[in-house]
N, C-alpha and C. Protein backbone atom coordinates (compact mmCIF):
# COMPACT_ATOMS: atom_id res chain seq x y z
N MET A 1 196.74 320.79 204.80
CA MET A 1 195.28 321.13 204.00
C MET A 1 195.54 320.77 202.90
N ARG A 2 194.66 320.16 202.19
CA ARG A 2 194.86 319.49 200.68
C ARG A 2 193.53 320.10 199.82
N ILE A 3 193.86 320.70 199.10
CA ILE A 3 192.65 321.23 197.93
C ILE A 3 192.05 320.03 197.29
N VAL A 4 190.96 319.82 197.62
CA VAL A 4 190.17 318.78 196.76
C VAL A 4 189.23 319.22 196.07
N ALA A 5 188.78 320.29 195.60
CA ALA A 5 187.80 321.04 194.64
C ALA A 5 188.07 322.55 194.60
N ALA A 6 187.61 323.14 193.28
CA ALA A 6 187.62 324.45 193.03
C ALA A 6 186.37 324.73 192.11
N THR A 7 185.79 325.73 192.38
CA THR A 7 184.72 326.08 191.87
C THR A 7 184.58 327.67 191.93
N ALA A 8 183.87 328.16 190.68
CA ALA A 8 183.48 329.54 191.08
C ALA A 8 181.81 329.68 191.15
N ASP A 9 180.97 328.48 191.16
CA ASP A 9 179.67 328.62 191.15
C ASP A 9 179.27 328.44 192.68
N PRO A 10 178.83 329.35 193.26
CA PRO A 10 178.29 329.46 194.67
C PRO A 10 177.39 328.40 195.15
N VAL A 11 176.56 327.92 194.27
CA VAL A 11 175.32 326.92 194.49
C VAL A 11 176.53 325.53 194.72
N ARG A 12 177.29 324.97 193.70
CA ARG A 12 178.10 324.14 193.51
C ARG A 12 179.07 324.01 194.80
N LEU A 13 179.42 325.09 195.40
CA LEU A 13 180.44 325.28 196.37
C LEU A 13 179.78 324.78 197.82
N SER A 14 178.30 325.35 197.83
CA SER A 14 177.68 325.05 198.91
C SER A 14 177.12 323.57 198.90
N PHE A 15 176.77 323.22 197.79
CA PHE A 15 176.72 321.54 197.64
C PHE A 15 177.98 320.89 198.13
N LEU A 16 178.89 321.40 197.77
CA LEU A 16 180.58 320.33 198.29
C LEU A 16 180.47 320.45 199.49
N LEU A 17 180.18 321.75 200.02
CA LEU A 17 180.59 321.76 201.60
C LEU A 17 179.51 321.11 202.44
N ALA A 18 178.49 320.79 202.14
CA ALA A 18 177.35 320.14 202.56
C ALA A 18 177.61 318.60 202.51
N LEU A 19 178.06 318.20 201.30
CA LEU A 19 178.37 316.79 200.90
C LEU A 19 179.06 316.41 202.21
N LEU A 20 180.68 317.07 202.47
CA LEU A 20 181.55 316.88 202.96
C LEU A 20 180.95 316.92 204.43
N ALA A 21 180.38 318.04 204.95
CA ALA A 21 179.83 317.94 206.11
C ALA A 21 178.95 316.68 206.60
N ASP A 22 178.21 316.45 205.92
CA ASP A 22 177.45 315.13 206.08
C ASP A 22 178.07 314.02 206.27
N ALA A 23 179.34 314.03 205.53
CA ALA A 23 180.32 312.88 205.86
C ALA A 23 181.07 312.83 207.03
N GLY A 24 181.03 313.90 207.68
CA GLY A 24 181.79 314.34 208.82
C GLY A 24 183.19 314.72 208.74
N ILE A 25 183.25 315.17 207.61
CA ILE A 25 184.53 315.98 206.82
C ILE A 25 184.57 317.34 207.04
N GLU A 26 185.31 318.06 207.92
CA GLU A 26 185.77 319.74 208.06
C GLU A 26 186.11 320.21 206.56
N ALA A 27 185.57 320.89 206.23
CA ALA A 27 186.32 321.57 205.03
C ALA A 27 186.55 323.21 205.14
N VAL A 28 187.33 323.77 204.60
CA VAL A 28 187.76 324.96 204.80
C VAL A 28 187.83 325.62 203.15
N VAL A 29 186.86 326.94 203.07
CA VAL A 29 186.88 327.60 201.94
C VAL A 29 188.00 328.54 201.64
N LEU A 30 188.70 328.15 200.72
CA LEU A 30 189.79 329.42 200.51
C LEU A 30 189.51 330.31 199.38
N ASP A 31 189.91 331.50 199.33
CA ASP A 31 189.60 332.48 198.61
C ASP A 31 188.30 333.11 198.41
N ALA A 32 187.60 332.78 199.78
CA ALA A 32 186.08 333.21 199.97
C ALA A 32 186.13 334.72 199.80
N HIS A 33 186.98 335.39 200.07
CA HIS A 33 187.10 337.00 200.34
C HIS A 33 187.44 337.42 198.96
N ILE A 34 187.97 336.82 197.88
CA ILE A 34 188.18 337.33 196.74
C ILE A 34 187.49 338.31 196.17
N SER A 35 186.17 338.04 196.25
CA SER A 35 185.23 338.53 195.22
C SER A 35 185.20 340.19 195.61
N ALA A 36 185.71 340.61 196.82
CA ALA A 36 185.76 341.93 196.89
C ALA A 36 186.89 342.85 196.27
N VAL A 37 187.97 341.94 195.53
CA VAL A 37 189.09 342.54 194.54
C VAL A 37 188.57 342.19 193.26
N GLU A 38 187.62 341.12 192.89
CA GLU A 38 187.19 340.92 191.63
C GLU A 38 185.93 341.47 191.13
N GLY A 39 185.18 342.27 192.16
CA GLY A 39 183.99 342.88 192.03
C GLY A 39 182.89 341.83 192.13
N GLY A 40 183.10 340.93 192.42
CA GLY A 40 181.69 339.94 192.55
C GLY A 40 181.41 339.38 191.18
N ILE A 41 182.42 339.30 190.37
CA ILE A 41 182.03 338.47 188.93
C ILE A 41 182.14 337.28 188.59
N GLY A 42 182.78 336.67 189.63
CA GLY A 42 182.79 335.01 189.73
C GLY A 42 183.84 334.44 188.76
N ILE A 43 185.20 335.60 188.36
CA ILE A 43 185.84 334.75 187.64
C ILE A 43 187.05 333.97 188.30
N PHE A 44 187.18 334.06 189.83
CA PHE A 44 188.20 333.27 190.66
C PHE A 44 187.53 332.54 191.32
N PRO A 45 188.05 331.27 190.98
CA PRO A 45 187.53 329.92 192.09
C PRO A 45 187.32 330.07 193.36
N ARG A 46 186.72 329.42 194.39
CA ARG A 46 186.79 329.26 195.54
C ARG A 46 187.40 327.70 195.74
N ARG A 47 188.65 327.61 196.43
CA ARG A 47 189.03 326.28 196.72
C ARG A 47 188.53 325.72 198.20
N VAL A 48 188.24 324.30 198.00
CA VAL A 48 187.83 323.64 198.94
C VAL A 48 188.83 322.97 199.55
N ALA A 49 189.60 322.89 200.77
CA ALA A 49 190.49 322.27 201.31
C ALA A 49 190.10 321.49 202.67
N VAL A 50 190.77 320.35 202.86
CA VAL A 50 190.33 319.55 203.78
C VAL A 50 191.59 319.03 204.36
N ALA A 51 191.68 318.80 205.86
CA ALA A 51 192.79 318.13 206.58
C ALA A 51 193.28 317.23 205.79
N GLU A 52 194.78 316.93 205.89
CA GLU A 52 195.45 315.90 204.78
C GLU A 52 195.18 314.54 205.26
N GLU A 53 194.55 314.34 206.56
CA GLU A 53 194.14 312.75 206.95
C GLU A 53 192.94 312.58 206.27
N ASP A 54 192.27 313.41 206.31
CA ASP A 54 190.50 313.21 205.47
C ASP A 54 190.44 313.77 203.89
N ALA A 55 191.79 313.80 203.56
CA ALA A 55 191.84 313.98 201.83
C ALA A 55 191.53 312.58 200.96
N ASP A 56 191.95 311.81 201.20
CA ASP A 56 191.66 310.59 200.61
C ASP A 56 189.88 310.38 200.61
N ALA A 57 189.44 310.25 201.98
CA ALA A 57 188.30 310.00 201.85
C ALA A 57 187.19 311.13 201.55
N ALA A 58 187.68 312.43 201.33
CA ALA A 58 187.02 313.43 200.64
C ALA A 58 187.04 313.45 199.00
N LEU A 59 188.00 312.70 198.63
CA LEU A 59 188.25 312.78 197.31
C LEU A 59 187.51 311.22 196.72
N ARG A 60 187.48 310.29 197.50
CA ARG A 60 186.55 309.19 197.24
C ARG A 60 185.16 309.45 197.28
N LEU A 61 184.42 310.52 198.17
CA LEU A 61 183.27 310.98 198.51
C LEU A 61 182.77 311.72 197.36
N LEU A 62 183.60 312.75 196.88
CA LEU A 62 183.29 313.34 195.75
C LEU A 62 183.26 312.81 194.27
N ALA A 63 184.29 311.77 194.10
CA ALA A 63 184.21 311.29 193.09
C ALA A 63 182.94 310.08 192.95
N ALA A 64 182.42 309.37 194.10
CA ALA A 64 181.03 308.81 194.36
C ALA A 64 179.86 309.89 193.78
N ALA A 65 179.97 310.80 194.19
CA ALA A 65 178.88 312.02 193.87
C ALA A 65 179.14 312.66 192.57
N GLY A 66 179.83 312.04 191.72
CA GLY A 66 179.91 312.62 190.46
C GLY A 66 180.62 314.27 190.50
N GLU A 67 181.59 314.30 191.06
CA GLU A 67 181.90 315.66 191.10
C GLU A 67 183.41 315.54 190.67
N GLU A 68 183.77 316.68 190.06
CA GLU A 68 184.88 316.87 189.57
C GLU A 68 185.95 317.39 190.60
N THR A 69 187.05 316.70 191.21
CA THR A 69 188.04 317.49 192.22
C THR A 69 189.37 317.96 191.31
N ALA A 70 189.98 318.38 192.49
CA ALA A 70 191.30 319.39 191.88
C ALA A 70 192.56 318.51 191.97
């Protein structure tokens, strides 16, 4: 797995996941349950990871969409 993006913004996270899913790239959200520890204040970014073989395509896709990558 390779991290392709990180964000604390739940709307951006949803957009990134939808963008990758539309391209047929399966993504996993890491640190999704950290909000239980942080109290929901949103200071810890959630990381978006994809399979190693999809990483280059995912990074190109995110760059083409104007999204900052990890």
